[in-house]
Amino acid sequence: MKYSTVELTVDSSIAAVRLNRPDRANALNRALWDELRLAFKAVDAMADARVVVLTGAGAHFSGGIDLDMLAEMQGTVHRASADRGRAVEALRRHILDLQDVFNCVEQCRVPVIAAISGACIGAGVDLATACDLRYSTRDARFCVKEIDMAIVADIGAVQRLPHIIGGGRARELIYTGRTITGAEAEAIGLVNRTFETADALQAEVNAVARELASKSPLTLRGCKQTILYSRDHTVAEGLQHVALWNAGAVMSEDLLEAIRAQQEKRKPKYRD
């Protein structure tokens, strides 16, 4: 399908999803929320997509939720009903719908790599934390901005950040709304690595994407699913899960191809 706020392409098993509102720092308006969900659902259904690279058009990854959308949302809730209980229910359903968009990013069956330059603010951080890997320029700016808007961050950063950078550091960023650079983000583990320029960032992200795309796609998907499952369950439950996965999937043609490639001293070739 055609998108107005997102670009989606696939080349050599690598899907590229780009937020495309550069004139608004890729702020997330209603159309972008909806199209981002559609794009990731489309990638999830593609047999030939093995990894996703997520970027923002122009100078910024994302400046967060579009302020016009916040005003529209408030008006919509008030119009929904004069009854406070029904208005609250309508707002809750709206928040859950926005959460579902980033859940689609996190639950996409293939790894998602975020390439972040410029601003990554508010909902931009929510989006980045839903990705599997994050890389940025050293001068990128990260901020969990919601505290300064008198809002509890509700689209995922509060839930995901502690698993990425630890509880104490997550609390500091959430409570203070302090802006950190890409260099500090790397130091605390929010991003995997940083680069001096956007070109160097994109080159390395593309290299990582190609490396992941060369792996067994079935196994890569299994790794992602097992990591997410284990994050939200006990160690014992996680071990049960991976035992069940491998019992069903390990005896695949990918395993035989990996063994043959090792024996023949060549790179394995896996089918989608």
Protein backbone atom coordinates (compact mmCIF):
# COMPACT_ATOMS: atom_id res chain seq x y z
CA MET A 1 0.00 0.00 0.00
CA LYS A 2 0.97 3.64 -0.32
CA TYR A 3 1.94 5.58 2.80
CA SER A 4 1.96 9.32 3.34
CA THR A 5 4.04 9.51 6.55
CA VAL A 6 6.13 6.32 6.35
CA GLU A 7 8.42 4.84 3.72
CA LEU A 8 8.74 1.05 3.50
CA THR A 9 11.17 -0.77 1.22
CA VAL A 10 12.71 -4.25 1.17
CA ASP A 11 16.06 -5.10 -0.41
CA SER A 12 18.18 -8.22 0.02
CA SER A 13 16.03 -9.47 2.93
CA ILE A 14 16.41 -6.15 4.78
CA ALA A 15 13.27 -4.08 5.33
CA ALA A 16 13.72 -0.34 5.79
CA VAL A 17 11.02 1.64 7.60
CA ARG A 18 11.51 5.40 7.65
CA LEU A 19 9.41 7.94 9.53
CA ASN A 20 8.70 10.56 6.88
CA ARG A 21 7.63 13.88 8.39
CA PRO A 22 11.01 15.66 8.29
CA ASP A 23 9.41 19.11 8.32
CA ARG A 24 7.96 18.28 11.76
CA ALA A 25 10.99 16.42 13.12
CA ASN A 26 9.05 13.20 12.47
CA ALA A 27 6.58 14.04 15.22
CA LEU A 28 3.98 11.30 15.48
CA ASN A 29 0.58 12.51 14.32
CA ARG A 30 -2.44 10.25 13.92
CA ALA A 31 -1.54 9.26 10.37
CA LEU A 32 2.01 8.32 11.35
CA TRP A 33 0.80 6.21 14.27
CA ASP A 34 -1.60 4.34 12.00
CA GLU A 35 0.85 3.87 9.14
CA LEU A 36 3.68 2.75 11.42
CA ARG A 37 1.46 -0.05 12.70
CA LEU A 38 0.48 -1.03 9.15
CA ALA A 39 4.10 -0.98 8.01
CA PHE A 40 5.29 -3.30 10.79
CA LYS A 41 2.35 -5.64 10.32
CA ALA A 42 3.27 -5.76 6.62
CA VAL A 43 6.92 -6.55 7.43
CA ASP A 44 5.87 -9.19 9.93
CA ALA A 45 3.92 -10.95 7.18
CA MET A 46 6.75 -10.84 4.62
CA ALA A 47 8.49 -14.16 4.07
CA ASP A 48 11.60 -12.47 2.66
CA ALA A 49 12.16 -9.86 5.40
CA ARG A 50 14.76 -11.03 7.91
CA VAL A 51 15.57 -7.77 9.71
CA VAL A 52 14.18 -4.22 9.88
CA VAL A 53 16.12 -0.94 9.95
CA LEU A 54 14.06 1.92 11.44
CA THR A 55 15.14 5.51 10.76
CA GLY A 56 13.76 9.03 10.59
CA ALA A 57 13.85 11.19 7.47
CA GLY A 58 15.86 14.39 7.71
CA ALA A 59 17.83 15.52 10.73
CA HIS A 60 15.84 13.82 13.50
CA PHE A 61 14.68 10.37 14.53
CA SER A 62 11.50 11.67 16.18
CA GLY A 63 10.53 14.73 18.17
CA GLY A 64 7.80 12.74 19.92
CA ILE A 65 4.03 12.92 19.78
CA ASP A 66 2.62 15.72 17.66
CA LEU A 67 1.26 18.43 19.99
CA ASP A 68 -1.67 19.04 17.64
CA MET A 69 -2.61 15.41 18.12
CA LEU A 70 -2.61 15.85 21.89
CA ALA A 71 -5.06 18.72 21.55
CA GLU A 72 -7.23 16.71 19.15
CA MET A 73 -7.18 13.74 21.51
CA GLN A 74 -8.32 15.87 24.44
CA GLY A 75 -11.17 17.30 22.36
CA THR A 76 -12.22 13.87 21.12
CA VAL A 77 -12.40 12.49 24.65
CA HIS A 78 -14.46 15.43 25.87
CA ARG A 79 -16.86 15.02 22.97
CA ALA A 80 -17.14 11.29 23.55
CA SER A 81 -19.42 11.77 26.49
CA ALA A 82 -20.48 14.28 29.07
CA ASP A 83 -20.24 11.43 31.56
CA ARG A 84 -16.80 11.37 33.19
CA GLY A 85 -16.71 7.60 33.48
CA ARG A 86 -17.31 7.14 29.75
CA ALA A 87 -14.84 9.88 28.88
CA VAL A 88 -12.16 8.16 31.00
CA GLU A 89 -12.93 4.85 29.31
CA ALA A 90 -12.57 6.48 25.88
CA LEU A 91 -9.17 7.94 26.82
CA ARG A 92 -7.96 4.61 28.17
CA ARG A 93 -8.92 2.89 24.92
CA HIS A 94 -7.06 5.58 22.96
CA ILE A 95 -3.89 5.10 25.04
CA LEU A 96 -4.09 1.33 24.61
CA ASP A 97 -4.39 1.82 20.86
CA LEU A 98 -1.20 3.93 20.80
CA GLN A 99 0.57 1.33 22.92
CA ASP A 100 -0.44 -1.31 20.40
CA VAL A 101 1.47 0.54 17.66
CA PHE A 102 4.79 0.19 19.48
CA ASN A 103 3.87 -3.32 20.59
CA CYS A 104 3.73 -4.15 16.88
CA VAL A 105 7.31 -2.91 16.57
CA GLU A 106 8.48 -4.96 19.55
CA GLN A 107 6.53 -8.06 18.53
CA CYS A 108 7.56 -7.97 14.88
CA ARG A 109 8.97 -11.47 14.44
CA VAL A 110 12.29 -10.25 13.03
CA PRO A 111 14.87 -8.04 14.80
CA VAL A 112 14.35 -4.30 14.53
CA ILE A 113 17.39 -1.99 14.49
CA ALA A 114 16.91 1.72 15.25
CA ALA A 115 19.34 4.22 13.69
CA ILE A 116 18.98 7.41 15.72
CA SER A 117 20.30 10.87 14.94
CA GLY A 118 19.15 14.29 16.05
CA ALA A 119 16.21 14.35 18.44
CA CYS A 120 14.74 11.25 20.07
CA ILE A 121 12.23 12.84 22.41
CA GLY A 122 9.20 11.59 24.35
CA ALA A 123 7.37 9.07 22.19
CA GLY A 124 10.58 8.80 20.16
CA VAL A 125 12.19 7.15 23.20
CA ASP A 126 9.13 4.92 23.60
CA LEU A 127 9.59 3.83 19.99
CA ALA A 128 13.35 3.31 20.30
CA THR A 129 12.96 1.12 23.38
CA ALA A 130 10.56 -1.13 21.46
CA CYS A 131 13.41 -1.95 19.05
CA ASP A 132 15.87 -4.80 19.53
CA LEU A 133 19.05 -2.83 18.83
CA ARG A 134 19.71 0.90 18.98
CA TYR A 135 22.62 2.82 17.43
CA SER A 136 23.02 6.59 17.36
CA THR A 137 25.24 9.51 16.54
CA ARG A 138 27.25 10.82 19.49
CA ASP A 139 25.40 14.14 19.41
CA ALA A 140 21.89 12.61 19.26
CA ARG A 141 19.57 13.85 22.01
CA PHE A 142 17.39 11.56 24.13
CA CYS A 143 14.74 12.79 26.56
CA VAL A 144 11.81 11.14 28.34
CA LYS A 145 9.93 14.41 28.04
CA GLU A 146 6.51 13.47 29.42
CA ILE A 147 7.24 14.59 33.01
CA ASP A 148 7.54 18.18 31.76
CA MET A 149 4.17 17.87 30.03
CA ALA A 150 2.57 16.71 33.31
CA ILE A 151 2.01 13.26 31.79
CA VAL A 152 3.14 9.85 33.01
CA ALA A 153 4.94 8.32 30.01
CA ASP A 154 2.41 5.73 28.89
CA ILE A 155 3.51 4.30 25.53
CA GLY A 156 6.25 1.95 26.75
CA ALA A 157 9.40 3.70 27.97
CA VAL A 158 8.50 3.31 31.65
CA GLN A 159 8.04 -0.43 31.16
CA ARG A 160 10.97 -1.10 28.82
CA LEU A 161 13.71 1.28 29.96
CA PRO A 162 14.45 -0.51 33.27
CA HIS A 163 15.14 -3.73 31.37
CA ILE A 164 17.56 -1.88 29.09
CA ILE A 165 19.48 0.49 31.38
CA GLY A 166 18.52 -0.64 34.89
CA GLY A 167 15.97 0.67 37.37
CA GLY A 168 17.98 3.51 38.91
CA ARG A 169 19.03 5.08 35.62
CA ALA A 170 15.56 4.66 34.18
CA ARG A 171 14.00 6.40 37.17
CA GLU A 172 16.39 9.33 36.83
CA LEU A 173 15.51 9.90 33.18
CA ILE A 174 11.77 9.43 33.79
CA TYR A 175 11.61 11.63 36.92
CA THR A 176 13.82 14.48 35.71
CA GLY A 177 13.14 14.65 31.98
CA ARG A 178 16.88 15.30 31.61
CA THR A 179 18.25 15.33 28.06
CA ILE A 180 21.23 13.06 27.44
CA THR A 181 23.50 12.83 24.41
CA GLY A 182 24.19 9.77 22.36
CA ALA A 183 27.55 9.48 24.10
CA GLU A 184 25.87 9.19 27.52
CA ALA A 185 23.22 6.90 26.06
CA GLU A 186 26.01 4.57 24.99
CA ALA A 187 27.65 4.76 28.42
CA ILE A 188 24.46 3.68 30.21
CA GLY A 189 23.53 1.02 27.65
CA LEU A 190 20.58 2.76 26.01
CA VAL A 191 22.30 2.45 22.63
CA ASN A 192 24.71 -0.25 21.54
CA ARG A 193 27.25 2.04 19.86
CA THR A 194 27.58 5.65 18.73
CA PHE A 195 29.14 7.28 15.66
CA GLU A 196 30.46 10.71 14.82
CA THR A 197 28.28 11.26 11.76
CA ALA A 198 24.90 10.18 10.45
CA ASP A 199 26.61 8.61 7.42
CA ALA A 200 28.89 6.50 9.62
CA LEU A 201 25.88 5.51 11.72
CA GLN A 202 23.90 4.37 8.69
CA ALA A 203 26.86 2.48 7.25
CA GLU A 204 27.33 0.48 10.46
CA VAL A 205 23.61 -0.17 10.91
CA ASN A 206 23.45 -1.46 7.35
CA ALA A 207 26.43 -3.72 8.06
CA VAL A 208 24.76 -5.11 11.20
CA ALA A 209 21.54 -5.63 9.26
CA ARG A 210 23.39 -7.56 6.55
CA GLU A 211 25.08 -9.70 9.20
CA LEU A 212 21.75 -10.56 10.82
CA ALA A 213 20.16 -11.24 7.44
CA SER A 214 22.87 -13.83 6.75
CA LYS A 215 21.85 -15.93 9.78
CA SER A 216 19.28 -18.69 9.84
CA PRO A 217 16.00 -16.71 9.69
CA LEU A 218 14.11 -19.36 11.65
CA THR A 219 16.72 -19.34 14.42
CA LEU A 220 16.93 -15.55 14.49
CA ARG A 221 13.17 -15.33 14.95
CA GLY A 222 13.38 -17.96 17.68
CA CYS A 223 16.08 -15.98 19.50
CA LYS A 224 13.93 -12.84 19.47
CA GLN A 225 10.83 -14.64 20.69
CA THR A 226 12.78 -16.38 23.45
CA ILE A 227 14.42 -13.15 24.63
CA LEU A 228 11.08 -11.36 24.86
CA TYR A 229 9.41 -14.31 26.60
CA SER A 230 12.25 -14.68 29.11
CA ARG A 231 12.19 -10.95 29.94
CA ASP A 232 8.60 -11.24 31.18
CA HIS A 233 8.82 -14.66 32.88
CA THR A 234 10.90 -16.51 35.45
CA VAL A 235 14.15 -18.24 34.54
CA ALA A 236 12.44 -21.62 34.88
CA GLU A 237 9.61 -20.57 32.57
CA GLY A 238 12.10 -19.17 30.07
CA LEU A 239 14.01 -22.46 30.03
CA GLN A 240 10.79 -24.37 29.46
CA HIS A 241 9.95 -22.04 26.59
CA VAL A 242 13.28 -22.42 24.78
CA ALA A 243 13.17 -26.20 25.27
CA LEU A 244 9.76 -26.27 23.60
CA TRP A 245 10.94 -24.00 20.77
CA ASN A 246 14.04 -26.08 20.03
CA ALA A 247 12.13 -29.35 20.29
CA GLY A 248 9.91 -28.10 17.49
CA ALA A 249 12.36 -26.09 15.38
CA VAL A 250 15.96 -27.18 15.89
CA MET A 251 15.76 -30.14 13.49
CA SER A 252 15.28 -27.85 10.52
CA GLU A 253 16.99 -27.71 7.14
CA ASP A 254 18.78 -24.61 8.47
CA LEU A 255 20.67 -26.80 10.95
CA LEU A 256 21.71 -29.19 8.21
CA GLU A 257 22.82 -26.28 6.01
CA ALA A 258 24.84 -24.78 8.89
CA ILE A 259 26.62 -28.10 9.43
CA ARG A 260 27.35 -28.53 5.72
CA ALA A 261 28.66 -24.97 5.46
CA GLN A 262 31.01 -25.56 8.42
CA GLN A 263 32.29 -28.74 6.88
CA GLU A 264 32.74 -27.17 3.44
CA LYS A 265 34.25 -23.97 4.87
CA ARG A 266 31.75 -21.65 3.18
CA LYS A 267 29.02 -19.27 4.21
CA PRO A 268 25.65 -20.94 4.73
CA LYS A 269 22.74 -20.09 2.46
CA TYR A 270 19.32 -20.22 4.10
CA ARG A 271 15.97 -19.99 2.38
CA ASP A 272 13.33 -17.52 3.61
